[in-house]
Amino acid sequence: MSAPNANTTMLLTEHFEFPPITFVDDVINSVNEIMYKCTAALEKYLISKRDKLQVSSRDDSIILNNDNDNDNTEGSNLDEIEVGTAKLETLLESSVDKNFDLFELYTLRNIFNIPSDLVEEGWIKLDHYKHVRMINNPKKKLKEIEQNIQDMEQEIKFQLFLKQKLTAALVKAKKILRMLKLYSSQLKFLQSSPTTIRDSVLMRSNIEALRSLSPLDESIFFLKNEAKSLYKMIQILETKFNESVKDSEILPNERDTYVDTKAYKLLKLYYDDQKEHDLISIKLSKIEKTDRDASKIRKVNEVLNIESIDRNEE
């Protein structure tokens, strides 16, 4: 079986609550620890065995050795034991590494392993992943999600705009409803029964007047169209007139010049008379304040009237 990929390793780690490689490392470390204990015990056993042999050789009276020779023999024996146990430990370490490398490969490929296609296609899931949908192409899915978010934002903006318009329409409709209720309250007398003969006559006349009225909406619509057409005609005439005056196509004739001149003179004469009349009125008001003689005021008024008649005759 092929080596486990990242998805398989993550699934097994989440299921066992520890990475599979840590299990293999713990086994190898345990074997190494036992091996080190064995070599240490073997070394200890050899040293104790050597000590027993040395004690027995000392007690033996047949063998006669010098003290220096005994010391050299003890030191050489101890060195040989340490070197031998060290070599044995190195040999065991290499053997453990070689064999447990195979153990690691076998364990990770055949024991702590699940076919990758079963994991990627979702055939094997943990309990808390049963209702989770796996995404094969996350970038494409991310673009779709972003597009959906943008669409939802546009929809929210449209709904807020629609709500604003509907709220304004509702307020307007409530105002219209209040006006209609007011109008209906003012027209309730048409539905009430007359109490006197005069009321009955008034009701009949009101009903006939209402029947004679044409529909208000049609009249307003007709007036609106007529006003629009009239406004367009006025604009057209104004444009033509301005263009004609600008191009000097419309020039005043002799009659227009004569009428304009006479009108100007009359207006100027009227303005001068009015100005003199105002001055005389101011003087009269001063005379009335200083002198209350009615006869003098009457004479002055007669003089003014005579002067105005003479001017009109001229």
C-alpha atoms as a PDB file:
ATOM      1  CA  MET A   1       0.000   0.000   0.000  1.00  0.00           C
ATOM      2  CA  SER A   2       1.200   3.509  -0.751  1.00  0.00           C
ATOM      3  CA  ALA A   3       2.408   5.891   1.916  1.00  0.00           C
ATOM      4  CA  PRO A   4      -0.299   7.908   3.690  1.00  0.00           C
ATOM      5  CA  ASN A   5      -0.910  11.443   2.492  1.00  0.00           C
ATOM      6  CA  ALA A   6      -1.660  14.527   4.550  1.00  0.00           C
ATOM      7  CA  ASN A   7      -5.451  14.014   4.621  1.00  0.00           C
ATOM      8  CA  THR A   8      -5.121  10.428   5.845  1.00  0.00           C
ATOM      9  CA  THR A   9      -2.598  11.416   8.501  1.00  0.00           C
ATOM     10  CA  MET A  10      -4.851  14.242   9.715  1.00  0.00           C
ATOM     11  CA  LEU A  11      -7.859  11.920   9.917  1.00  0.00           C
ATOM     12  CA  LEU A  12      -5.945   9.252  11.869  1.00  0.00           C
ATOM     13  CA  THR A  13      -4.411  11.846  14.167  1.00  0.00           C
ATOM     14  CA  GLU A  14      -7.836  13.307  14.938  1.00  0.00           C
ATOM     15  CA  HIS A  15      -9.296   9.842  15.491  1.00  0.00           C
ATOM     16  CA  PHE A  16      -6.530   8.435  17.762  1.00  0.00           C
ATOM     17  CA  GLU A  17      -5.760  11.845  19.289  1.00  0.00           C
ATOM     18  CA  PHE A  18      -2.042  11.344  18.548  1.00  0.00           C
ATOM     19  CA  PRO A  19       0.020  11.166  15.329  1.00  0.00           C
ATOM     20  CA  PRO A  20       0.782   7.609  14.118  1.00  0.00           C
ATOM     21  CA  ILE A  21       4.498   8.381  13.953  1.00  0.00           C
ATOM     22  CA  THR A  22       4.562   9.033  17.700  1.00  0.00           C
ATOM     23  CA  PHE A  23       3.394   5.453  18.319  1.00  0.00           C
ATOM     24  CA  VAL A  24       6.296   4.098  16.248  1.00  0.00           C
ATOM     25  CA  ASP A  25       8.738   6.420  18.014  1.00  0.00           C
ATOM     26  CA  ASP A  26       7.463   5.288  21.408  1.00  0.00           C
ATOM     27  CA  VAL A  27       7.961   1.614  20.445  1.00  0.00           C
ATOM     28  CA  ILE A  28      11.506   2.278  19.185  1.00  0.00           C
ATOM     29  CA  ASN A  29      12.349   4.305  22.285  1.00  0.00           C
ATOM     30  CA  SER A  30      11.002   1.528  24.520  1.00  0.00           C
ATOM     31  CA  VAL A  31      13.101  -1.107  22.704  1.00  0.00           C
ATOM     32  CA  ASN A  32      16.197   1.094  22.953  1.00  0.00           C
ATOM     33  CA  GLU A  33      15.558   1.612  26.650  1.00  0.00           C
ATOM     34  CA  ILE A  34      15.268  -2.152  27.220  1.00  0.00           C
ATOM     35  CA  MET A  35      18.411  -2.726  25.171  1.00  0.00           C
ATOM     36  CA  TYR A  36      20.374  -0.192  27.232  1.00  0.00           C
ATOM     37  CA  LYS A  37      19.152  -1.821  30.422  1.00  0.00           C
ATOM     38  CA  CYS A  38      20.266  -5.223  29.115  1.00  0.00           C
ATOM     39  CA  THR A  39      23.764  -4.016  28.235  1.00  0.00           C
ATOM     40  CA  ALA A  40      24.076  -2.284  31.591  1.00  0.00           C
ATOM     41  CA  ALA A  41      22.943  -5.448  33.397  1.00  0.00           C
ATOM     42  CA  LEU A  42      25.333  -7.553  31.316  1.00  0.00           C
ATOM     43  CA  GLU A  43      28.208  -5.235  32.145  1.00  0.00           C
ATOM     44  CA  LYS A  44      27.291  -5.342  35.811  1.00  0.00           C
ATOM     45  CA  TYR A  45      27.101  -9.123  35.716  1.00  0.00           C
ATOM     46  CA  LEU A  46      30.526  -9.450  34.073  1.00  0.00           C
ATOM     47  CA  ILE A  47      32.116  -7.131  36.588  1.00  0.00           C
ATOM     48  CA  SER A  48      30.615  -9.066  39.507  1.00  0.00           C
ATOM     49  CA  LYS A  49      31.707 -12.345  37.931  1.00  0.00           C
ATOM     50  CA  ARG A  50      35.232 -10.993  37.509  1.00  0.00           C
ATOM     51  CA  ASP A  51      35.326  -9.914  41.151  1.00  0.00           C
ATOM     52  CA  LYS A  52      34.301 -13.396  42.296  1.00  0.00           C
ATOM     53  CA  LEU A  53      37.001 -14.978  40.175  1.00  0.00           C
ATOM     54  CA  GLN A  54      39.616 -12.641  41.534  1.00  0.00           C
ATOM     55  CA  VAL A  55      38.614 -13.429  45.108  1.00  0.00           C
ATOM     56  CA  SER A  56      38.790 -17.143  44.456  1.00  0.00           C
ATOM     57  CA  SER A  57      42.195 -16.807  42.805  1.00  0.00           C
ATOM     58  CA  ARG A  58      43.584 -14.913  45.760  1.00  0.00           C
ATOM     59  CA  ASP A  59      42.487 -17.594  48.160  1.00  0.00           C
ATOM     60  CA  ASP A  60      44.068 -20.298  46.091  1.00  0.00           C
ATOM     61  CA  SER A  61      47.478 -21.004  47.607  1.00  0.00           C
ATOM     62  CA  ILE A  62      48.792 -22.816  44.572  1.00  0.00           C
ATOM     63  CA  ILE A  63      48.884 -19.718  42.369  1.00  0.00           C
ATOM     64  CA  LEU A  64      51.521 -17.216  43.466  1.00  0.00           C
ATOM     65  CA  ASN A  65      51.468 -13.782  41.804  1.00  0.00           C
ATOM     66  CA  ASN A  66      53.053 -10.426  42.520  1.00  0.00           C
ATOM     67  CA  ASP A  67      50.794  -7.523  43.724  1.00  0.00           C
ATOM     68  CA  ASN A  68      51.655  -5.360  40.704  1.00  0.00           C
ATOM     69  CA  ASP A  69      50.705  -8.135  38.375  1.00  0.00           C
ATOM     70  CA  ASN A  70      47.339  -8.460  40.121  1.00  0.00           C
ATOM     71  CA  ASP A  71      46.610  -4.730  39.765  1.00  0.00           C
ATOM     72  CA  ASN A  72      47.430  -4.768  36.047  1.00  0.00           C
ATOM     73  CA  THR A  73      45.270  -7.828  35.545  1.00  0.00           C
ATOM     74  CA  GLU A  74      42.258  -6.212  37.275  1.00  0.00           C
ATOM     75  CA  GLY A  75      42.561  -3.002  35.221  1.00  0.00           C
ATOM     76  CA  SER A  76      42.848  -4.866  31.948  1.00  0.00           C
ATOM     77  CA  ASN A  77      39.860  -7.048  32.739  1.00  0.00           C
ATOM     78  CA  LEU A  78      37.701  -4.016  33.557  1.00  0.00           C
ATOM     79  CA  ASP A  79      38.657  -2.265  30.322  1.00  0.00           C
ATOM     80  CA  GLU A  80      37.883  -5.364  28.303  1.00  0.00           C
ATOM     81  CA  ILE A  81      34.444  -5.631  29.893  1.00  0.00           C
ATOM     82  CA  GLU A  82      33.588  -1.965  29.180  1.00  0.00           C
ATOM     83  CA  VAL A  83      34.861  -2.135  25.617  1.00  0.00           C
ATOM     84  CA  GLY A  84      32.994  -5.362  25.004  1.00  0.00           C
ATOM     85  CA  THR A  85      29.712  -4.054  26.369  1.00  0.00           C
ATOM     86  CA  ALA A  86      30.136  -0.849  24.325  1.00  0.00           C
ATOM     87  CA  LYS A  87      30.662  -2.849  21.146  1.00  0.00           C
ATOM     88  CA  LEU A  88      27.679  -5.027  21.996  1.00  0.00           C
ATOM     89  CA  GLU A  89      25.562  -1.925  22.607  1.00  0.00           C
ATOM     90  CA  THR A  90      26.604  -0.440  19.259  1.00  0.00           C
ATOM     91  CA  LEU A  91      25.791  -3.699  17.498  1.00  0.00           C
ATOM     92  CA  LEU A  92      22.390  -3.879  19.140  1.00  0.00           C
ATOM     93  CA  GLU A  93      21.642  -0.220  18.288  1.00  0.00           C
ATOM     94  CA  SER A  94      22.409  -0.773  14.611  1.00  0.00           C
ATOM     95  CA  SER A  95      20.285  -3.912  14.607  1.00  0.00           C
ATOM     96  CA  VAL A  96      17.392  -2.107  16.311  1.00  0.00           C
ATOM     97  CA  ASP A  97      17.600   0.835  13.885  1.00  0.00           C
ATOM     98  CA  LYS A  98      17.681  -1.442  10.854  1.00  0.00           C
ATOM     99  CA  ASN A  99      14.817  -3.667  11.927  1.00  0.00           C
ATOM    100  CA  PHE A 100      12.635  -0.952  13.386  1.00  0.00           C
ATOM    101  CA  ASP A 101      12.995   1.177  10.265  1.00  0.00           C
ATOM    102  CA  LEU A 102      11.261  -1.672   8.485  1.00  0.00           C
ATOM    103  CA  PHE A 103       8.779  -1.820  11.347  1.00  0.00           C
ATOM    104  CA  GLU A 104       8.065   1.912  10.915  1.00  0.00           C
ATOM    105  CA  LEU A 105       7.492   1.573   7.174  1.00  0.00           C
ATOM    106  CA  TYR A 106       5.270  -1.462   7.603  1.00  0.00           C
ATOM    107  CA  THR A 107       3.265   0.131  10.411  1.00  0.00           C
ATOM    108  CA  LEU A 108       2.668   3.443   8.649  1.00  0.00           C
ATOM    109  CA  ARG A 109       1.827   1.826   5.299  1.00  0.00           C
ATOM    110  CA  ASN A 110      -0.233  -1.165   6.414  1.00  0.00           C
ATOM    111  CA  ILE A 111      -1.569  -0.497   9.915  1.00  0.00           C
ATOM    112  CA  PHE A 112      -1.932   3.255  10.368  1.00  0.00           C
ATOM    113  CA  ASN A 113      -3.112   3.878   6.828  1.00  0.00           C
ATOM    114  CA  ILE A 114      -6.353   4.325   4.892  1.00  0.00           C
ATOM    115  CA  PRO A 115      -6.566   4.408   1.096  1.00  0.00           C
ATOM    116  CA  SER A 116      -6.437   8.032   0.004  1.00  0.00           C
ATOM    117  CA  ASP A 117      -9.325   7.696  -2.458  1.00  0.00           C
ATOM    118  CA  LEU A 118     -11.644   6.607   0.359  1.00  0.00           C
ATOM    119  CA  VAL A 119     -10.740   9.686   2.376  1.00  0.00           C
ATOM    120  CA  GLU A 120     -10.784  12.214  -0.466  1.00  0.00           C
ATOM    121  CA  GLU A 121     -14.081  10.969  -1.882  1.00  0.00           C
ATOM    122  CA  GLY A 122     -15.673  11.053   1.564  1.00  0.00           C
ATOM    123  CA  TRP A 123     -16.315   7.335   2.038  1.00  0.00           C
ATOM    124  CA  ILE A 124     -14.617   7.328   5.426  1.00  0.00           C
ATOM    125  CA  LYS A 125     -15.521  10.151   7.807  1.00  0.00           C
ATOM    126  CA  LEU A 126     -15.515  10.754  11.518  1.00  0.00           C
ATOM    127  CA  ASP A 127     -18.825  11.159  13.306  1.00  0.00           C
ATOM    128  CA  HIS A 128     -18.605  14.928  13.595  1.00  0.00           C
ATOM    129  CA  TYR A 129     -17.828  15.203   9.851  1.00  0.00           C
ATOM    130  CA  LYS A 130     -20.836  13.263   8.591  1.00  0.00           C
ATOM    131  CA  HIS A 131     -22.866  16.389   7.795  1.00  0.00           C
ATOM    132  CA  VAL A 132     -19.897  18.404   6.520  1.00  0.00           C
ATOM    133  CA  ARG A 133     -19.538  18.690   2.763  1.00  0.00           C
ATOM    134  CA  MET A 134     -15.964  18.472   1.537  1.00  0.00           C
ATOM    135  CA  ILE A 135     -14.829  20.947  -1.126  1.00  0.00           C
ATOM    136  CA  ASN A 136     -12.739  19.554  -3.951  1.00  0.00           C
ATOM    137  CA  ASN A 137     -11.868  22.906  -5.543  1.00  0.00           C
ATOM    138  CA  PRO A 138     -11.734  25.519  -2.763  1.00  0.00           C
ATOM    139  CA  LYS A 139     -10.686  28.428  -5.026  1.00  0.00           C
ATOM    140  CA  LYS A 140     -13.632  27.941  -7.355  1.00  0.00           C
ATOM    141  CA  LYS A 141     -15.956  27.535  -4.404  1.00  0.00           C
ATOM    142  CA  LEU A 142     -14.550  30.706  -2.829  1.00  0.00           C
ATOM    143  CA  LYS A 143     -15.317  32.681  -6.005  1.00  0.00           C
ATOM    144  CA  GLU A 144     -18.857  31.332  -6.009  1.00  0.00           C
ATOM    145  CA  ILE A 145     -19.299  32.317  -2.364  1.00  0.00           C
ATOM    146  CA  GLU A 146     -17.982  35.839  -3.030  1.00  0.00           C
ATOM    147  CA  GLN A 147     -20.341  36.189  -6.003  1.00  0.00           C
ATOM    148  CA  ASN A 148     -23.251  35.024  -3.851  1.00  0.00           C
ATOM    149  CA  ILE A 149     -22.307  37.568  -1.188  1.00  0.00           C
ATOM    150  CA  GLN A 150     -22.257  40.363  -3.774  1.00  0.00           C
ATOM    151  CA  ASP A 151     -25.639  39.270  -5.130  1.00  0.00           C
ATOM    152  CA  MET A 152     -27.062  39.235  -1.619  1.00  0.00           C
ATOM    153  CA  GLU A 153     -25.685  42.735  -0.962  1.00  0.00           C
ATOM    154  CA  GLN A 154     -27.365  44.005  -4.133  1.00  0.00           C
ATOM    155  CA  GLU A 155     -30.602  42.321  -3.117  1.00  0.00           C
ATOM    156  CA  ILE A 156     -30.417  43.892   0.354  1.00  0.00           C
ATOM    157  CA  LYS A 157     -29.832  47.346  -1.142  1.00  0.00           C
ATOM    158  CA  PHE A 158     -32.786  46.858  -3.505  1.00  0.00           C
ATOM    159  CA  GLN A 159     -35.019  45.712  -0.651  1.00  0.00           C
ATOM    160  CA  LEU A 160     -34.018  48.733   1.468  1.00  0.00           C
ATOM    161  CA  PHE A 161     -34.749  51.056  -1.462  1.00  0.00           C
ATOM    162  CA  LEU A 162     -38.090  49.336  -2.032  1.00  0.00           C
ATOM    163  CA  LYS A 163     -38.914  49.618   1.665  1.00  0.00           C
ATOM    164  CA  GLN A 164     -38.161  53.341   1.576  1.00  0.00           C
ATOM    165  CA  LYS A 165     -40.423  53.870  -1.434  1.00  0.00           C
ATOM    166  CA  LEU A 166     -43.209  51.761   0.064  1.00  0.00           C
ATOM    167  CA  THR A 167     -42.978  53.668   3.343  1.00  0.00           C
ATOM    168  CA  ALA A 168     -43.306  56.972   1.483  1.00  0.00           C
ATOM    169  CA  ALA A 169     -46.246  55.590  -0.520  1.00  0.00           C
ATOM    170  CA  LEU A 170     -47.879  54.376   2.694  1.00  0.00           C
ATOM    171  CA  VAL A 171     -47.577  57.814   4.289  1.00  0.00           C
ATOM    172  CA  LYS A 172     -49.056  59.396   1.163  1.00  0.00           C
ATOM    173  CA  ALA A 173     -51.892  56.862   1.096  1.00  0.00           C
ATOM    174  CA  LYS A 174     -52.684  57.598   4.751  1.00  0.00           C
ATOM    175  CA  LYS A 175     -52.898  61.309   3.967  1.00  0.00           C
ATOM    176  CA  ILE A 176     -55.216  60.618   1.036  1.00  0.00           C
ATOM    177  CA  LEU A 177     -57.324  58.364   3.249  1.00  0.00           C
ATOM    178  CA  ARG A 178     -57.682  61.104   5.855  1.00  0.00           C
ATOM    179  CA  MET A 179     -58.712  63.570   3.139  1.00  0.00           C
ATOM    180  CA  LEU A 180     -61.258  61.115   1.746  1.00  0.00           C
ATOM    181  CA  LYS A 181     -62.688  60.544   5.211  1.00  0.00           C
ATOM    182  CA  LEU A 182     -62.977  64.303   5.640  1.00  0.00           C
ATOM    183  CA  TYR A 183     -64.732  64.647   2.274  1.00  0.00           C
ATOM    184  CA  SER A 184     -67.046  61.748   3.043  1.00  0.00           C
ATOM    185  CA  SER A 185     -67.967  63.312   6.381  1.00  0.00           C
ATOM    186  CA  GLN A 186     -68.827  66.529   4.554  1.00  0.00           C
ATOM    187  CA  LEU A 187     -71.024  64.630   2.062  1.00  0.00           C
ATOM    188  CA  LYS A 188     -72.901  62.541   4.608  1.00  0.00           C
ATOM    189  CA  PHE A 189     -75.889  64.821   4.331  1.00  0.00           C
ATOM    190  CA  LEU A 190     -76.583  63.292   0.911  1.00  0.00           C
ATOM    191  CA  GLN A 191     -77.244  59.914   2.509  1.00  0.00           C
ATOM    192  CA  SER A 192     -79.226  61.175   5.492  1.00  0.00           C
ATOM    193  CA  SER A 193     -82.996  61.302   5.218  1.00  0.00           C
ATOM    194  CA  PRO A 194     -84.507  64.815   4.974  1.00  0.00           C
ATOM    195  CA  THR A 195     -86.400  66.040   8.005  1.00  0.00           C
ATOM    196  CA  THR A 196     -88.252  68.900   6.372  1.00  0.00           C
ATOM    197  CA  ILE A 197     -89.570  69.791   2.961  1.00  0.00           C
ATOM    198  CA  ARG A 198     -86.811  72.353   2.527  1.00  0.00           C
ATOM    199  CA  ASP A 199     -84.180  69.708   3.250  1.00  0.00           C
ATOM    200  CA  SER A 200     -85.743  67.357   0.712  1.00  0.00           C
ATOM    201  CA  VAL A 201     -85.746  70.078  -1.943  1.00  0.00           C
ATOM    202  CA  LEU A 202     -82.114  70.924  -1.203  1.00  0.00           C
ATOM    203  CA  MET A 203     -81.164  67.263  -1.363  1.00  0.00           C
ATOM    204  CA  ARG A 204     -82.840  66.822  -4.748  1.00  0.00           C
ATOM    205  CA  SER A 205     -81.106  69.904  -6.113  1.00  0.00           C
ATOM    206  CA  ASN A 206     -77.735  68.696  -4.776  1.00  0.00           C
ATOM    207  CA  ILE A 207     -78.217  65.247  -6.276  1.00  0.00           C
ATOM    208  CA  GLU A 208     -79.167  66.747  -9.643  1.00  0.00           C
ATOM    209  CA  ALA A 209     -76.119  69.024  -9.484  1.00  0.00           C
ATOM    210  CA  LEU A 210     -73.861  66.053  -8.737  1.00  0.00           C
ATOM    211  CA  ARG A 211     -75.355  64.043 -11.585  1.00  0.00           C
ATOM    212  CA  SER A 212     -74.851  66.939 -13.969  1.00  0.00           C
ATOM    213  CA  LEU A 213     -71.143  67.060 -13.130  1.00  0.00           C
ATOM    214  CA  SER A 214     -68.830  65.281 -15.509  1.00  0.00           C
ATOM    215  CA  PRO A 215     -66.190  62.929 -14.104  1.00  0.00           C
ATOM    216  CA  LEU A 216     -63.533  65.019 -12.389  1.00  0.00           C
ATOM    217  CA  ASP A 217     -60.587  62.861 -13.394  1.00  0.00           C
ATOM    218  CA  GLU A 218     -61.513  63.064 -17.090  1.00  0.00           C
ATOM    219  CA  SER A 219     -61.886  66.857 -16.892  1.00  0.00           C
ATOM    220  CA  ILE A 220     -58.536  67.225 -15.157  1.00  0.00           C
ATOM    221  CA  PHE A 221     -56.901  64.945 -17.708  1.00  0.00           C
ATOM    222  CA  PHE A 222     -58.407  66.964 -20.573  1.00  0.00           C
ATOM    223  CA  LEU A 223     -57.313  70.284 -19.041  1.00  0.00           C
ATOM    224  CA  LYS A 224     -53.843  68.883 -18.460  1.00  0.00           C
ATOM    225  CA  ASN A 225     -53.474  67.857 -22.105  1.00  0.00           C
ATOM    226  CA  GLU A 226     -54.824  71.184 -23.322  1.00  0.00           C
ATOM    227  CA  ALA A 227     -52.437  73.081 -21.050  1.00  0.00           C
ATOM    228  CA  LYS A 228     -49.499  71.041 -22.330  1.00  0.00           C
ATOM    229  CA  SER A 229     -50.403  71.665 -25.971  1.00  0.00           C
ATOM    230  CA  LEU A 230     -50.956  75.379 -25.281  1.00  0.00           C
ATOM    231  CA  TYR A 231     -47.609  75.630 -23.508  1.00  0.00           C
ATOM    232  CA  LYS A 232     -45.869  73.951 -26.458  1.00  0.00           C
ATOM    233  CA  MET A 233     -47.524  76.350 -28.911  1.00  0.00           C
ATOM    234  CA  ILE A 234     -46.446  79.339 -26.801  1.00  0.00           C
ATOM    235  CA  GLN A 235     -42.882  78.047 -26.748  1.00  0.00           C
ATOM    236  CA  ILE A 236     -42.902  77.604 -30.529  1.00  0.00           C
ATOM    237  CA  LEU A 237     -44.299  81.108 -31.083  1.00  0.00           C
ATOM    238  CA  GLU A 238     -41.805  82.617 -28.638  1.00  0.00           C
ATOM    239  CA  THR A 239     -38.939  80.899 -30.425  1.00  0.00           C
ATOM    240  CA  LYS A 240     -40.123  82.093 -33.839  1.00  0.00           C
ATOM    241  CA  PHE A 241     -40.675  85.635 -32.569  1.00  0.00           C
ATOM    242  CA  ASN A 242     -37.229  85.829 -30.968  1.00  0.00           C
ATOM    243  CA  GLU A 243     -35.604  84.516 -34.119  1.00  0.00           C
ATOM    244  CA  SER A 244     -37.523  87.020 -36.286  1.00  0.00           C
ATOM    245  CA  VAL A 245     -36.594  89.978 -34.068  1.00  0.00           C
ATOM    246  CA  LYS A 246     -32.999  88.816 -33.925  1.00  0.00           C
ATOM    247  CA  ASP A 247     -32.843  88.543 -37.716  1.00  0.00           C
ATOM    248  CA  SER A 248     -34.641  91.924 -38.106  1.00  0.00           C
ATOM    249  CA  GLU A 249     -37.471  90.354 -40.045  1.00  0.00           C
ATOM    250  CA  ILE A 250     -40.150  92.240 -38.056  1.00  0.00           C
ATOM    251  CA  LEU A 251     -39.708  96.022 -38.374  1.00  0.00           C
ATOM    252  CA  PRO A 252     -42.168  98.725 -37.210  1.00  0.00           C
ATOM    253  CA  ASN A 253     -44.118 100.552 -39.941  1.00  0.00           C
ATOM    254  CA  GLU A 254     -45.105 104.255 -39.991  1.00  0.00           C
ATOM    255  CA  ARG A 255     -48.325 103.709 -38.104  1.00  0.00           C
ATOM    256  CA  ASP A 256     -46.498 101.819 -35.329  1.00  0.00           C
ATOM    257  CA  THR A 257     -43.949 104.645 -35.079  1.00  0.00           C
ATOM    258  CA  TYR A 258     -46.690 107.315 -34.905  1.00  0.00           C
ATOM    259  CA  VAL A 259     -48.664 105.421 -32.263  1.00  0.00           C
ATOM    260  CA  ASP A 260     -45.546 104.839 -30.178  1.00  0.00           C
ATOM    261  CA  THR A 261     -44.583 108.536 -30.357  1.00  0.00           C
ATOM    262  CA  LYS A 262     -48.047 109.791 -29.351  1.00  0.00           C
ATOM    263  CA  ALA A 263     -48.296 107.266 -26.570  1.00  0.00           C
ATOM    264  CA  TYR A 264     -44.910 108.348 -25.250  1.00  0.00           C
ATOM    265  CA  LYS A 265     -45.949 112.032 -25.255  1.00  0.00           C
ATOM    266  CA  LEU A 266     -49.246 111.343 -23.512  1.00  0.00           C
ATOM    267  CA  LEU A 267     -47.557 109.254 -20.877  1.00  0.00           C
ATOM    268  CA  LYS A 268     -44.946 111.939 -20.308  1.00  0.00           C
ATOM    269  CA  LEU A 269     -47.654 114.655 -20.061  1.00  0.00           C
ATOM    270  CA  TYR A 270     -49.619 112.537 -17.624  1.00  0.00           C
ATOM    271  CA  TYR A 271     -46.498 111.983 -15.575  1.00  0.00           C
ATOM    272  CA  ASP A 272     -45.749 115.727 -15.441  1.00  0.00           C
ATOM    273  CA  ASP A 273     -49.372 116.575 -14.483  1.00  0.00           C
ATOM    274  CA  GLN A 274     -49.297 113.959 -11.799  1.00  0.00           C
ATOM    275  CA  LYS A 275     -46.038 115.316 -10.457  1.00  0.00           C
ATOM    276  CA  GLU A 276     -47.394 118.919 -10.328  1.00  0.00           C
ATOM    277  CA  HIS A 277     -50.603 117.708  -8.737  1.00  0.00           C
ATOM    278  CA  ASP A 278     -48.592 115.921  -6.043  1.00  0.00           C
ATOM    279  CA  LEU A 279     -46.596 119.097  -5.333  1.00  0.00           C
ATOM    280  CA  ILE A 280     -49.777 121.197  -5.073  1.00  0.00           C
ATOM    281  CA  SER A 281     -51.348 118.593  -2.794  1.00  0.00           C
ATOM    282  CA  ILE A 282     -48.321 118.810  -0.515  1.00  0.00           C
ATOM    283  CA  LYS A 283     -48.616 122.595  -0.424  1.00  0.00           C
ATOM    284  CA  LEU A 284     -52.343 122.366   0.319  1.00  0.00           C
ATOM    285  CA  SER A 285     -51.722 120.007   3.174  1.00  0.00           C
ATOM    286  CA  LYS A 286     -49.273 122.503   4.625  1.00  0.00           C
ATOM    287  CA  ILE A 287     -51.822 125.318   4.167  1.00  0.00           C
ATOM    288  CA  GLU A 288     -54.510 123.214   5.893  1.00  0.00           C
ATOM    289  CA  LYS A 289     -52.213 122.686   8.845  1.00  0.00           C
ATOM    290  CA  THR A 290     -51.300 126.388   9.200  1.00  0.00           C
ATOM    291  CA  ASP A 291     -54.546 127.994   8.095  1.00  0.00           C
ATOM    292  CA  ARG A 292     -57.954 126.411   8.613  1.00  0.00           C
ATOM    293  CA  ASP A 293     -59.806 128.861   6.420  1.00  0.00           C
ATOM    294  CA  ALA A 294     -62.109 126.792   4.209  1.00  0.00           C
ATOM    295  CA  SER A 295     -62.758 129.589   1.765  1.00  0.00           C
ATOM    296  CA  LYS A 296     -59.126 129.932   0.819  1.00  0.00           C
ATOM    297  CA  ILE A 297     -58.822 126.219   0.259  1.00  0.00           C
ATOM    298  CA  ARG A 298     -61.949 126.229  -1.927  1.00  0.00           C
ATOM    299  CA  LYS A 299     -60.541 129.052  -4.083  1.00  0.00           C
ATOM    300  CA  VAL A 300     -57.303 127.223  -4.562  1.00  0.00           C
ATOM    301  CA  ASN A 301     -59.176 124.086  -5.642  1.00  0.00           C
ATOM    302  CA  GLU A 302     -61.164 126.107  -8.159  1.00  0.00           C
ATOM    303  CA  VAL A 303     -57.947 127.526  -9.566  1.00  0.00           C
ATOM    304  CA  LEU A 304     -56.524 124.045  -9.907  1.00  0.00           C
ATOM    305  CA  ASN A 305     -59.613 122.802 -11.695  1.00  0.00           C
ATOM    306  CA  ILE A 306     -59.514 125.753 -14.107  1.00  0.00           C
ATOM    307  CA  GLU A 307     -55.874 125.149 -14.904  1.00  0.00           C
ATOM    308  CA  SER A 308     -56.473 121.475 -15.573  1.00  0.00           C
ATOM    309  CA  ILE A 309     -59.401 122.285 -17.902  1.00  0.00           C
ATOM    310  CA  ASP A 310     -57.252 124.745 -19.845  1.00  0.00           C
ATOM    311  CA  ARG A 311     -54.535 122.204 -20.293  1.00  0.00           C
ATOM    312  CA  ASN A 312     -56.963 119.593 -21.515  1.00  0.00           C
ATOM    313  CA  GLU A 313     -58.341 122.074 -24.041  1.00  0.00           C
ATOM    314  CA  GLU A 314     -54.843 122.806 -25.306  1.00  0.00           C
END
